[in-house]
Amino acid sequence: MESMPSEKNKTILIIKGYKFRFHKMLQGEVQRWTCCKNSCKCYFKLFSDNVMLKNCNEHNHEKCDEKILNRQKISNAVKRKAVDDVSIRSSTIFTGTNKKLQ
């Protein structure tokens, strides 16, 4: 299980090539995460100590490509850094972020 921030700085979990977003908190400290594709009904339930309670593996779409996931990680990190520190040039932000992620 890997996590990355979204464009809006929300947590996205990547499990077996599929992206999941936090949906809601359930009773008893259980989190419900749903697939990022709106047409996909897949979800899983996660207990507070990262133990999966229920898992749905029946996606109706292909996995996300590794190259696309890496591009999204870099793009989101650059956007966040640019908003946080306006005085730095964009090429410097991109180079520094790219080195950190590799």
Protein backbone atom coordinates (compact mmCIF):
# COMPACT_ATOMS: atom_id res chain seq x y z
CA MET A 1 0.00 0.00 0.00
CA GLU A 2 1.48 3.29 -1.15
CA SER A 3 0.11 6.77 -0.64
CA MET A 4 0.43 10.00 -2.59
CA PRO A 5 -1.23 13.42 -2.39
CA SER A 6 -3.86 14.37 -4.95
CA GLU A 7 -4.07 17.70 -6.79
CA LYS A 8 -6.17 19.05 -3.93
CA ASN A 9 -3.71 17.68 -1.34
CA LYS A 10 -5.97 14.80 -0.25
CA THR A 11 -4.48 11.36 0.40
CA ILE A 12 -4.72 8.78 -2.37
CA LEU A 13 -3.82 5.15 -1.66
CA ILE A 14 -2.37 3.00 -4.44
CA ILE A 15 -3.03 -0.73 -4.09
CA LYS A 16 -2.01 -3.15 -6.84
CA GLY A 17 -2.02 -0.37 -9.43
CA TYR A 18 -5.46 1.02 -8.52
CA LYS A 19 -6.01 4.42 -6.90
CA PHE A 20 -8.39 4.83 -3.96
CA ARG A 21 -9.64 7.99 -2.25
CA PHE A 22 -11.00 8.38 1.27
CA HIS A 23 -14.80 8.22 1.24
CA LYS A 24 -15.99 8.35 4.84
CA MET A 25 -15.37 7.30 8.41
CA LEU A 26 -17.53 4.42 9.62
CA GLN A 27 -18.45 3.28 13.11
CA GLY A 28 -15.61 1.91 15.21
CA GLU A 29 -12.68 3.84 13.65
CA VAL A 30 -13.14 2.10 10.28
CA GLN A 31 -12.32 4.06 7.12
CA ARG A 32 -14.05 3.41 3.80
CA TRP A 33 -11.94 4.04 0.69
CA THR A 34 -13.43 4.01 -2.82
CA CYS A 35 -11.86 3.67 -6.26
CA CYS A 36 -10.92 6.99 -7.88
CA LYS A 37 -12.79 6.09 -11.07
CA ASN A 38 -16.35 7.35 -10.61
CA SER A 39 -17.87 4.51 -12.64
CA CYS A 40 -16.10 1.82 -10.55
CA LYS A 41 -17.92 0.50 -7.48
CA CYS A 42 -14.83 -1.03 -5.83
CA TYR A 43 -14.01 -0.11 -2.25
CA PHE A 44 -12.26 -1.42 0.83
CA LYS A 45 -12.57 -0.89 4.56
CA LEU A 46 -9.49 -0.08 6.59
CA PHE A 47 -9.17 -0.30 10.35
CA SER A 48 -7.21 2.44 12.15
CA ASP A 49 -3.97 0.41 12.28
CA ASN A 50 -3.96 -0.21 8.47
CA VAL A 51 -5.61 -3.65 8.67
CA MET A 52 -8.03 -4.33 5.80
CA LEU A 53 -11.42 -5.58 6.95
CA LYS A 54 -13.20 -5.95 3.63
CA ASN A 55 -11.77 -5.77 0.13
CA CYS A 56 -13.45 -5.63 -3.30
CA ASN A 57 -11.19 -6.63 -6.20
CA GLU A 58 -13.72 -6.42 -9.04
CA HIS A 59 -12.73 -3.25 -10.88
CA ASN A 60 -14.41 -2.47 -14.20
CA HIS A 61 -11.33 -0.73 -15.64
CA GLU A 62 -7.62 -1.31 -16.20
CA LYS A 63 -4.89 -0.58 -13.66
CA CYS A 64 -3.16 2.79 -13.72
CA ASP A 65 0.07 2.80 -15.69
CA GLU A 66 3.22 3.22 -13.56
CA LYS A 67 4.42 6.08 -15.79
CA ILE A 68 1.16 7.97 -15.27
CA LEU A 69 1.35 7.50 -11.49
CA ASN A 70 4.94 8.82 -11.43
CA ARG A 71 3.95 11.81 -13.59
CA GLN A 72 1.07 12.60 -11.23
CA LYS A 73 3.36 12.40 -8.19
CA ILE A 74 5.85 14.84 -9.75
CA SER A 75 3.16 17.18 -11.06
CA ASN A 76 1.35 17.39 -7.73
CA ALA A 77 4.59 17.91 -5.79
CA VAL A 78 5.66 20.72 -8.14
CA LYS A 79 2.26 22.44 -7.90
CA ARG A 80 2.30 22.28 -4.10
CA LYS A 81 5.86 23.64 -3.91
CA ALA A 82 5.05 26.47 -6.35
CA VAL A 83 2.07 27.56 -4.26
CA ASP A 84 4.03 27.34 -1.00
CA ASP A 85 7.09 29.28 -2.21
CA VAL A 86 6.29 31.82 -4.92
CA SER A 87 9.79 33.34 -5.03
CA ILE A 88 11.49 30.23 -6.53
CA ARG A 89 11.67 29.78 -10.31
CA SER A 90 9.60 26.94 -11.75
CA SER A 91 12.59 25.16 -13.33
CA THR A 92 14.33 25.05 -9.94
CA ILE A 93 11.21 23.61 -8.30
CA PHE A 94 10.85 20.93 -10.99
CA THR A 95 14.52 19.86 -10.82
CA GLY A 96 14.52 19.66 -7.02
CA THR A 97 11.23 17.76 -6.85
CA ASN A 98 12.26 15.34 -9.58
CA LYS A 99 15.48 14.47 -7.71
CA LYS A 100 13.58 13.84 -4.45
CA LEU A 101 11.12 11.44 -6.08
CA GLN A 102 13.76 9.37 -7.86
